[in-house]
Structures are given as structure tokens and as C-alpha cells.
Amino acid sequence: MLAGVSTDYYVRLEQGRDRHPSEHVLDALASVLRLDLEASAHLFELARPRNKPIASEQADRVNPDVLRLIDRCDHAAAFVVNRWWDVLAANPLTSAFYAGMDGSDNLIRLTFLNPAAREFYRDWEQEARAKVAHLRAVAGAHDDPSLVALVEELSRASEEFRRIWARHDVQAKTSPSIRFRHRVVGEMTLHYQVFDITGDPGQKLIVGQAAPGSPSERALAKLRTLIDDRPMTRTPRLPADG
């Protein structure tokens, strides 16, 4: 009633039987449902998907210039992820940071399927919700088999994932601060900047730094001293069932 549409029409929208709602209807629904900007954009994307999904093989190739860039991030954890949180490339400090954490090839899988994640992330619930909300935001109307497989795997294995996924939260993850409890160097807080990679839709460069002069910076420096002189190995993307 508040949106100015009939009950029958609204039901058809929810059931996906009307695939061409007008911009006026979408605006009205976003207003009545009190959606924020990101959730409203998600609604429009679901109603009018703009692009076809990119083949996984193409989407997962990291530009050599980006690889050289993360190589040069000596004092920060720098890595590249795709839409579904697969880690496509990582610098040595990132590899050391996640060393010994099963599932670190995909950070949402690590969050929900590795029991140690609840100790690793000091604010686990907050981080879990943020990751799932980001997954919802970037998924949009993309019908990607990798996403379907990941959601099915997590839904089977994790009651917590099923609970949070059912919330339908939508929020792009931008520049968060995350508190960790690292098994080697102890507690630290890293402040992240997230950059879209031009020319490779869906890929993001993520850089985590500690505040200058902080205990977290000293912990990160200590971790850096543990990195040996072997050539850098980048984290490859693994199959969803790997």
C-alpha cells in the first residue's frame, strides 16, 4: 500500500514472475523498505542485471603489474581477491600472516569452516556478517557456478553461515579495521584499504596496515622478520571443492 502497488503485483515481484518493474516501482519499494544506498543499488541490480558474468578463468588472472605492486608492499599485508573471496595472489607478509590457517585460499571459507577462525578474528561475529554481506552485495544477479558451489558448501557445513546468509544483509566491504589474535605474534589491529582493479571486474586489491608506532605495527614487524629469503610464492586459487 505504501509503495502504491497491488498485493498481487508485489507477490509477482517477490516470486520473480514480473521481471521488468519500472524505476518508479523500484524507487518506491526501496523507500518503503528503508533500504540504504548499497541495498537499493543491489535491488536495482537484481531487477536489471547490466553485465553477464565473466568466465572464472579470465576473472582469476591477476595482471602482472598488480603482482609487481604487491611484491613491493614490504610493510603491509597485500593481496588480491575475486568476487567470492578466493585469494588470487598474496605478498610474503600476507602468506606469513595466514600461515597454518586451513582454508586461507578463500577467506570466507576460512571464516566459517576453520574452528581456529573464532580465535583468529577477535570480533568473529562482526567479521562473519561483514563477509557474507559483501558476498551478497557483489553477487547481485550474477549466476556464477563458483558462487553457487561455495554457498552450497558453506550451507552444508556451517549452521552459522546458514543463519547469517538468511539475513540477506547487503554491504560492500570498504576500508575496515579488523582485530586479530595471531598465534605467533599475538594481538594486532590492521586497517584495510580496498581498491577495485581497473580492467579486471570483480578483482580487488586489499592492503592491510598497522597504525604507525602502535603495538600492532611492532607485531607486524616481528612477523616480517620471520619471513625467510626464499622466492615469494603466491597463493593460487583452488577449486571450490578442493
C-alpha atoms as a PDB file:
ATOM      1  CA  MET A   1       0.000   0.000   0.000  1.00  0.00           C
ATOM      2  CA  LEU A   2       2.770   2.446   0.945  1.00  0.00           C
ATOM      3  CA  ALA A   3       4.629   1.714  -2.311  1.00  0.00           C
ATOM      4  CA  GLY A   4       1.489   2.247  -4.373  1.00  0.00           C
ATOM      5  CA  VAL A   5       1.418  -1.259  -5.880  1.00  0.00           C
ATOM      6  CA  SER A   6      -1.143  -4.013  -5.563  1.00  0.00           C
ATOM      7  CA  THR A   7      -0.591  -7.026  -3.352  1.00  0.00           C
ATOM      8  CA  ASP A   8      -0.808  -9.301  -6.399  1.00  0.00           C
ATOM      9  CA  TYR A   9       1.868  -7.312  -8.262  1.00  0.00           C
ATOM     10  CA  TYR A  10       4.160  -7.243  -5.221  1.00  0.00           C
ATOM     11  CA  VAL A  11       3.836 -11.031  -4.844  1.00  0.00           C
ATOM     12  CA  ARG A  12       4.687 -11.454  -8.538  1.00  0.00           C
ATOM     13  CA  LEU A  13       7.824  -9.349  -7.979  1.00  0.00           C
ATOM     14  CA  GLU A  14       8.914 -11.387  -4.962  1.00  0.00           C
ATOM     15  CA  GLN A  15       8.369 -14.635  -6.852  1.00  0.00           C
ATOM     16  CA  GLY A  16      10.256 -13.396  -9.907  1.00  0.00           C
ATOM     17  CA  ARG A  17       7.234 -13.622 -12.186  1.00  0.00           C
ATOM     18  CA  ASP A  18       7.444  -9.951 -13.184  1.00  0.00           C
ATOM     19  CA  ARG A  19      10.945  -9.285 -14.500  1.00  0.00           C
ATOM     20  CA  HIS A  20      10.534  -5.713 -15.732  1.00  0.00           C
ATOM     21  CA  PRO A  21       9.487  -3.468 -12.834  1.00  0.00           C
ATOM     22  CA  SER A  22       9.643   0.232 -13.569  1.00  0.00           C
ATOM     23  CA  GLU A  23      12.200   2.538 -12.000  1.00  0.00           C
ATOM     24  CA  HIS A  24       9.329   4.266 -10.174  1.00  0.00           C
ATOM     25  CA  VAL A  25       8.264   0.983  -8.564  1.00  0.00           C
ATOM     26  CA  LEU A  26      11.824   0.126  -7.554  1.00  0.00           C
ATOM     27  CA  ASP A  27      12.353   3.573  -6.036  1.00  0.00           C
ATOM     28  CA  ALA A  28       9.080   3.283  -4.125  1.00  0.00           C
ATOM     29  CA  LEU A  29       9.951  -0.166  -2.766  1.00  0.00           C
ATOM     30  CA  ALA A  30      13.442   0.957  -1.726  1.00  0.00           C
ATOM     31  CA  SER A  31      11.921   3.905   0.132  1.00  0.00           C
ATOM     32  CA  VAL A  32       9.187   1.908   1.876  1.00  0.00           C
ATOM     33  CA  LEU A  33      11.603  -0.855   2.875  1.00  0.00           C
ATOM     34  CA  ARG A  34      14.063   1.814   4.103  1.00  0.00           C
ATOM     35  CA  LEU A  35      16.939   0.398   2.100  1.00  0.00           C
ATOM     36  CA  ASP A  36      20.264   2.207   2.314  1.00  0.00           C
ATOM     37  CA  LEU A  37      22.200   3.193  -0.808  1.00  0.00           C
ATOM     38  CA  GLU A  38      24.006  -0.155  -1.143  1.00  0.00           C
ATOM     39  CA  ALA A  39      20.873  -2.224  -0.613  1.00  0.00           C
ATOM     40  CA  SER A  40      18.973  -0.026  -3.093  1.00  0.00           C
ATOM     41  CA  ALA A  41      21.713  -0.485  -5.692  1.00  0.00           C
ATOM     42  CA  HIS A  42      21.538  -4.238  -5.040  1.00  0.00           C
ATOM     43  CA  LEU A  43      17.768  -4.155  -5.647  1.00  0.00           C
ATOM     44  CA  PHE A  44      18.229  -2.390  -8.993  1.00  0.00           C
ATOM     45  CA  GLU A  45      20.992  -4.816  -9.972  1.00  0.00           C
ATOM     46  CA  LEU A  46      18.740  -7.787  -9.251  1.00  0.00           C
ATOM     47  CA  ALA A  47      15.972  -6.229 -11.331  1.00  0.00           C
ATOM     48  CA  ARG A  48      18.195  -5.115 -14.204  1.00  0.00           C
ATOM     49  CA  PRO A  49      21.489  -7.004 -14.402  1.00  0.00           C
ATOM     50  CA  ARG A  50      23.841  -5.000 -16.579  1.00  0.00           C
ATOM     51  CA  ASN A  51      26.566  -7.478 -17.427  1.00  0.00           C
ATOM     52  CA  LYS A  52      26.909 -11.164 -17.992  1.00  0.00           C
ATOM     53  CA  PRO A  53      29.210 -12.976 -15.556  1.00  0.00           C
ATOM     54  CA  ILE A  54      32.832 -13.230 -16.588  1.00  0.00           C
ATOM     55  CA  ALA A  55      34.321 -16.674 -17.065  1.00  0.00           C
ATOM     56  CA  SER A  56      36.158 -17.735 -13.914  1.00  0.00           C
ATOM     57  CA  GLU A  57      39.379 -18.441 -15.783  1.00  0.00           C
ATOM     58  CA  GLN A  58      39.504 -14.871 -17.104  1.00  0.00           C
ATOM     59  CA  ALA A  59      38.382 -13.283 -13.826  1.00  0.00           C
ATOM     60  CA  ASP A  60      41.073 -15.084 -11.837  1.00  0.00           C
ATOM     61  CA  ARG A  61      44.102 -13.987 -13.851  1.00  0.00           C
ATOM     62  CA  VAL A  62      45.977 -11.258 -11.991  1.00  0.00           C
ATOM     63  CA  ASN A  63      47.598  -8.544 -14.052  1.00  0.00           C
ATOM     64  CA  PRO A  64      51.443  -8.719 -13.895  1.00  0.00           C
ATOM     65  CA  ASP A  65      51.569  -5.017 -12.988  1.00  0.00           C
ATOM     66  CA  VAL A  66      49.399  -5.744  -9.938  1.00  0.00           C
ATOM     67  CA  LEU A  67      51.650  -8.652  -8.974  1.00  0.00           C
ATOM     68  CA  ARG A  68      54.679  -6.369  -9.094  1.00  0.00           C
ATOM     69  CA  LEU A  69      52.819  -3.832  -6.975  1.00  0.00           C
ATOM     70  CA  ILE A  70      52.017  -6.257  -4.167  1.00  0.00           C
ATOM     71  CA  ASP A  71      55.612  -7.529  -4.326  1.00  0.00           C
ATOM     72  CA  ARG A  72      56.738  -4.047  -3.310  1.00  0.00           C
ATOM     73  CA  CYS A  73      54.432  -3.803  -0.272  1.00  0.00           C
ATOM     74  CA  ASP A  74      57.077  -4.779   2.281  1.00  0.00           C
ATOM     75  CA  HIS A  75      55.384  -3.260   5.340  1.00  0.00           C
ATOM     76  CA  ALA A  76      51.777  -4.218   4.642  1.00  0.00           C
ATOM     77  CA  ALA A  77      49.737  -7.330   4.015  1.00  0.00           C
ATOM     78  CA  ALA A  78      48.748  -7.007   0.352  1.00  0.00           C
ATOM     79  CA  PHE A  79      46.693  -9.485  -1.635  1.00  0.00           C
ATOM     80  CA  VAL A  80      44.164  -9.795  -4.464  1.00  0.00           C
ATOM     81  CA  VAL A  81      40.760 -11.454  -4.185  1.00  0.00           C
ATOM     82  CA  ASN A  82      37.939 -12.103  -6.611  1.00  0.00           C
ATOM     83  CA  ARG A  83      34.202 -11.659  -6.019  1.00  0.00           C
ATOM     84  CA  TRP A  84      33.920 -14.823  -3.956  1.00  0.00           C
ATOM     85  CA  TRP A  85      36.896 -14.110  -1.628  1.00  0.00           C
ATOM     86  CA  ASP A  86      39.276 -16.504  -3.403  1.00  0.00           C
ATOM     87  CA  VAL A  87      42.823 -15.267  -2.752  1.00  0.00           C
ATOM     88  CA  LEU A  88      44.396 -14.984  -6.199  1.00  0.00           C
ATOM     89  CA  ALA A  89      47.767 -13.525  -5.204  1.00  0.00           C
ATOM     90  CA  ALA A  90      49.496 -12.542  -1.976  1.00  0.00           C
ATOM     91  CA  ASN A  91      52.770 -10.960  -0.906  1.00  0.00           C
ATOM     92  CA  PRO A  92      55.116 -12.749   1.538  1.00  0.00           C
ATOM     93  CA  LEU A  93      53.809 -10.877   4.592  1.00  0.00           C
ATOM     94  CA  THR A  94      50.248 -11.975   3.812  1.00  0.00           C
ATOM     95  CA  SER A  95      51.391 -15.572   3.334  1.00  0.00           C
ATOM     96  CA  ALA A  96      53.146 -15.449   6.710  1.00  0.00           C
ATOM     97  CA  PHE A  97      50.110 -13.829   8.319  1.00  0.00           C
ATOM     98  CA  TYR A  98      47.801 -16.692   7.262  1.00  0.00           C
ATOM     99  CA  ALA A  99      50.395 -19.479   7.593  1.00  0.00           C
ATOM    100  CA  GLY A 100      48.953 -22.560   9.285  1.00  0.00           C
ATOM    101  CA  MET A 101      45.334 -21.416   8.790  1.00  0.00           C
ATOM    102  CA  ASP A 102      43.463 -24.071   6.820  1.00  0.00           C
ATOM    103  CA  GLY A 103      41.158 -22.636   4.181  1.00  0.00           C
ATOM    104  CA  SER A 104      43.066 -19.408   3.683  1.00  0.00           C
ATOM    105  CA  ASP A 105      42.799 -19.809  -0.105  1.00  0.00           C
ATOM    106  CA  ASN A 106      39.266 -18.457   0.371  1.00  0.00           C
ATOM    107  CA  LEU A 107      38.704 -16.059   3.270  1.00  0.00           C
ATOM    108  CA  ILE A 108      35.001 -16.692   3.699  1.00  0.00           C
ATOM    109  CA  ARG A 109      35.658 -20.440   3.804  1.00  0.00           C
ATOM    110  CA  LEU A 110      38.359 -19.811   6.414  1.00  0.00           C
ATOM    111  CA  THR A 111      35.925 -17.718   8.489  1.00  0.00           C
ATOM    112  CA  PHE A 112      33.212 -20.362   8.676  1.00  0.00           C
ATOM    113  CA  LEU A 113      34.921 -23.732   8.228  1.00  0.00           C
ATOM    114  CA  ASN A 114      38.127 -23.316  10.242  1.00  0.00           C
ATOM    115  CA  PRO A 115      37.404 -23.578  14.007  1.00  0.00           C
ATOM    116  CA  ALA A 116      40.559 -21.547  14.689  1.00  0.00           C
ATOM    117  CA  ALA A 117      38.924 -18.548  12.969  1.00  0.00           C
ATOM    118  CA  ARG A 118      36.940 -17.732  16.113  1.00  0.00           C
ATOM    119  CA  GLU A 119      40.215 -17.159  17.921  1.00  0.00           C
ATOM    120  CA  PHE A 120      41.947 -15.564  14.933  1.00  0.00           C
ATOM    121  CA  TYR A 121      39.237 -12.927  14.443  1.00  0.00           C
ATOM    122  CA  ARG A 122      38.719 -11.249  17.809  1.00  0.00           C
ATOM    123  CA  ASP A 123      35.335  -9.943  16.610  1.00  0.00           C
ATOM    124  CA  TRP A 124      34.297 -13.077  14.760  1.00  0.00           C
ATOM    125  CA  GLU A 125      30.557 -12.377  14.514  1.00  0.00           C
ATOM    126  CA  GLN A 126      31.144  -8.888  13.159  1.00  0.00           C
ATOM    127  CA  GLU A 127      33.656 -10.145  10.605  1.00  0.00           C
ATOM    128  CA  ALA A 128      31.484 -13.089   9.561  1.00  0.00           C
ATOM    129  CA  ARG A 129      28.484 -10.824   8.951  1.00  0.00           C
ATOM    130  CA  ALA A 130      30.598  -8.338   7.015  1.00  0.00           C
ATOM    131  CA  LYS A 131      31.985 -11.027   4.714  1.00  0.00           C
ATOM    132  CA  VAL A 132      28.559 -12.517   3.995  1.00  0.00           C
ATOM    133  CA  ALA A 133      27.027  -9.069   3.417  1.00  0.00           C
ATOM    134  CA  HIS A 134      29.856  -8.322   0.977  1.00  0.00           C
ATOM    135  CA  LEU A 135      29.225 -11.627  -0.795  1.00  0.00           C
ATOM    136  CA  ARG A 136      25.553 -10.701  -1.155  1.00  0.00           C
ATOM    137  CA  ALA A 137      26.452  -7.238  -2.460  1.00  0.00           C
ATOM    138  CA  VAL A 138      28.837  -8.410  -5.169  1.00  0.00           C
ATOM    139  CA  ALA A 139      26.764 -11.430  -6.167  1.00  0.00           C
ATOM    140  CA  GLY A 140      23.877  -9.315  -7.456  1.00  0.00           C
ATOM    141  CA  ALA A 141      22.209 -11.100 -10.329  1.00  0.00           C
ATOM    142  CA  HIS A 142      25.339 -12.997 -11.385  1.00  0.00           C
ATOM    143  CA  ASP A 143      24.635 -16.679 -11.924  1.00  0.00           C
ATOM    144  CA  ASP A 144      28.191 -17.908 -11.370  1.00  0.00           C
ATOM    145  CA  PRO A 145      28.718 -21.651 -10.759  1.00  0.00           C
ATOM    146  CA  SER A 146      31.609 -20.853  -8.398  1.00  0.00           C
ATOM    147  CA  LEU A 147      29.313 -18.816  -6.163  1.00  0.00           C
ATOM    148  CA  VAL A 148      26.621 -21.490  -6.190  1.00  0.00           C
ATOM    149  CA  ALA A 149      29.166 -24.159  -5.253  1.00  0.00           C
ATOM    150  CA  LEU A 150      30.662 -22.018  -2.476  1.00  0.00           C
ATOM    151  CA  VAL A 151      27.277 -21.158  -0.931  1.00  0.00           C
ATOM    152  CA  GLU A 152      26.159 -24.793  -1.107  1.00  0.00           C
ATOM    153  CA  GLU A 153      29.388 -25.982   0.514  1.00  0.00           C
ATOM    154  CA  LEU A 154      29.180 -23.433   3.326  1.00  0.00           C
ATOM    155  CA  SER A 155      25.464 -24.055   3.855  1.00  0.00           C
ATOM    156  CA  ARG A 156      26.031 -27.785   4.263  1.00  0.00           C
ATOM    157  CA  ALA A 157      28.978 -27.426   6.599  1.00  0.00           C
ATOM    158  CA  SER A 158      28.150 -24.383   8.732  1.00  0.00           C
ATOM    159  CA  GLU A 159      24.976 -23.631  10.671  1.00  0.00           C
ATOM    160  CA  GLU A 160      26.386 -20.164  11.384  1.00  0.00           C
ATOM    161  CA  PHE A 161      26.733 -19.448   7.664  1.00  0.00           C
ATOM    162  CA  ARG A 162      23.136 -20.546   7.043  1.00  0.00           C
ATOM    163  CA  ARG A 163      21.973 -18.224   9.833  1.00  0.00           C
ATOM    164  CA  ILE A 164      23.871 -15.178   8.557  1.00  0.00           C
ATOM    165  CA  TRP A 165      23.166 -15.838   4.849  1.00  0.00           C
ATOM    166  CA  ALA A 166      19.445 -15.940   5.672  1.00  0.00           C
ATOM    167  CA  ARG A 167      19.662 -12.354   6.994  1.00  0.00           C
ATOM    168  CA  HIS A 168      20.074 -11.078   3.403  1.00  0.00           C
ATOM    169  CA  ASP A 169      22.337  -8.242   4.574  1.00  0.00           C
ATOM    170  CA  VAL A 170      23.932  -6.313   1.715  1.00  0.00           C
ATOM    171  CA  GLN A 171      27.006  -4.182   2.253  1.00  0.00           C
ATOM    172  CA  ALA A 172      30.172  -3.724   0.229  1.00  0.00           C
ATOM    173  CA  LYS A 173      33.255  -4.112   2.401  1.00  0.00           C
ATOM    174  CA  THR A 174      35.203  -0.846   2.380  1.00  0.00           C
ATOM    175  CA  SER A 175      38.243   0.121   4.409  1.00  0.00           C
ATOM    176  CA  PRO A 176      37.519  -1.812   7.608  1.00  0.00           C
ATOM    177  CA  SER A 177      39.682  -2.218  10.674  1.00  0.00           C
ATOM    178  CA  ILE A 178      39.970  -5.816  11.857  1.00  0.00           C
ATOM    179  CA  ARG A 179      41.260  -7.066  15.196  1.00  0.00           C
ATOM    180  CA  PHE A 180      43.283 -10.300  15.106  1.00  0.00           C
ATOM    181  CA  ARG A 181      44.824 -12.649  17.588  1.00  0.00           C
ATOM    182  CA  HIS A 182      47.766 -14.148  15.704  1.00  0.00           C
ATOM    183  CA  ARG A 183      49.102 -17.434  17.001  1.00  0.00           C
ATOM    184  CA  VAL A 184      52.742 -16.312  16.660  1.00  0.00           C
ATOM    185  CA  VAL A 185      52.913 -12.557  17.252  1.00  0.00           C
ATOM    186  CA  GLY A 186      49.783 -12.005  19.343  1.00  0.00           C
ATOM    187  CA  GLU A 187      47.073  -9.374  19.118  1.00  0.00           C
ATOM    188  CA  MET A 188      47.047  -6.695  16.439  1.00  0.00           C
ATOM    189  CA  THR A 189      44.682  -4.437  14.557  1.00  0.00           C
ATOM    190  CA  LEU A 190      45.087  -3.911  10.820  1.00  0.00           C
ATOM    191  CA  HIS A 191      43.445  -1.096   8.888  1.00  0.00           C
ATOM    192  CA  TYR A 192      42.457  -2.106   5.365  1.00  0.00           C
ATOM    193  CA  GLN A 193      42.086  -0.197   2.124  1.00  0.00           C
ATOM    194  CA  VAL A 194      40.202  -1.926  -0.677  1.00  0.00           C
ATOM    195  CA  PHE A 195      40.791  -0.961  -4.327  1.00  0.00           C
ATOM    196  CA  ASP A 196      38.879  -2.094  -7.407  1.00  0.00           C
ATOM    197  CA  ILE A 197      41.320  -3.272 -10.086  1.00  0.00           C
ATOM    198  CA  THR A 198      40.615  -1.470 -13.343  1.00  0.00           C
ATOM    199  CA  GLY A 199      40.285  -3.812 -16.293  1.00  0.00           C
ATOM    200  CA  ASP A 200      39.578  -6.892 -14.153  1.00  0.00           C
ATOM    201  CA  PRO A 201      35.975  -6.601 -12.914  1.00  0.00           C
ATOM    202  CA  GLY A 202      35.414  -8.298  -9.587  1.00  0.00           C
ATOM    203  CA  GLN A 203      39.059  -8.291  -8.545  1.00  0.00           C
ATOM    204  CA  LYS A 204      40.092  -6.187  -5.569  1.00  0.00           C
ATOM    205  CA  LEU A 205      43.494  -5.260  -4.205  1.00  0.00           C
ATOM    206  CA  ILE A 206      43.392  -5.298  -0.406  1.00  0.00           C
ATOM    207  CA  VAL A 207      46.132  -3.695   1.674  1.00  0.00           C
ATOM    208  CA  GLY A 208      46.277  -4.082   5.458  1.00  0.00           C
ATOM    209  CA  GLN A 209      48.485  -1.774   7.530  1.00  0.00           C
ATOM    210  CA  ALA A 210      49.092  -1.166  11.222  1.00  0.00           C
ATOM    211  CA  ALA A 211      48.954   2.305  12.753  1.00  0.00           C
ATOM    212  CA  PRO A 212      52.442   3.880  12.927  1.00  0.00           C
ATOM    213  CA  GLY A 213      54.125   3.424  16.306  1.00  0.00           C
ATOM    214  CA  SER A 214      51.431   1.086  17.583  1.00  0.00           C
ATOM    215  CA  PRO A 215      51.839  -2.345  19.229  1.00  0.00           C
ATOM    216  CA  SER A 216      50.217  -3.723  16.088  1.00  0.00           C
ATOM    217  CA  GLU A 217      52.988  -2.249  13.941  1.00  0.00           C
ATOM    218  CA  ARG A 218      55.577  -3.906  16.180  1.00  0.00           C
ATOM    219  CA  ALA A 219      53.730  -7.225  15.937  1.00  0.00           C
ATOM    220  CA  LEU A 220      53.631  -6.949  12.149  1.00  0.00           C
ATOM    221  CA  ALA A 221      57.340  -6.080  12.078  1.00  0.00           C
ATOM    222  CA  LYS A 222      58.072  -9.141  14.196  1.00  0.00           C
ATOM    223  CA  LEU A 223      56.120 -11.293  11.769  1.00  0.00           C
ATOM    224  CA  ARG A 224      58.090  -9.790   8.899  1.00  0.00           C
ATOM    225  CA  THR A 225      61.365 -10.895  10.490  1.00  0.00           C
ATOM    226  CA  LEU A 226      60.129 -14.482  10.346  1.00  0.00           C
ATOM    227  CA  ILE A 227      59.914 -14.446   6.566  1.00  0.00           C
ATOM    228  CA  ASP A 228      62.896 -16.299   5.099  1.00  0.00           C
ATOM    229  CA  ASP A 229      64.776 -15.440   1.910  1.00  0.00           C
ATOM    230  CA  ARG A 230      63.067 -17.953  -0.324  1.00  0.00           C
ATOM    231  CA  PRO A 231      61.395 -16.631  -3.516  1.00  0.00           C
ATOM    232  CA  MET A 232      57.871 -15.412  -2.993  1.00  0.00           C
ATOM    233  CA  THR A 233      55.100 -17.924  -3.605  1.00  0.00           C
ATOM    234  CA  ARG A 234      51.722 -16.579  -4.475  1.00  0.00           C
ATOM    235  CA  THR A 235      48.565 -18.227  -3.260  1.00  0.00           C
ATOM    236  CA  PRO A 236      46.759 -19.905  -6.166  1.00  0.00           C
ATOM    237  CA  ARG A 237      43.013 -20.166  -6.450  1.00  0.00           C
ATOM    238  CA  LEU A 238      41.799 -23.655  -5.557  1.00  0.00           C
ATOM    239  CA  PRO A 239      38.664 -25.362  -6.854  1.00  0.00           C
ATOM    240  CA  ALA A 240      35.565 -24.800  -4.758  1.00  0.00           C
ATOM    241  CA  ASP A 241      35.633 -28.451  -3.613  1.00  0.00           C
ATOM    242  CA  GLY A 242      39.425 -28.531  -3.129  1.00  0.00           C
END
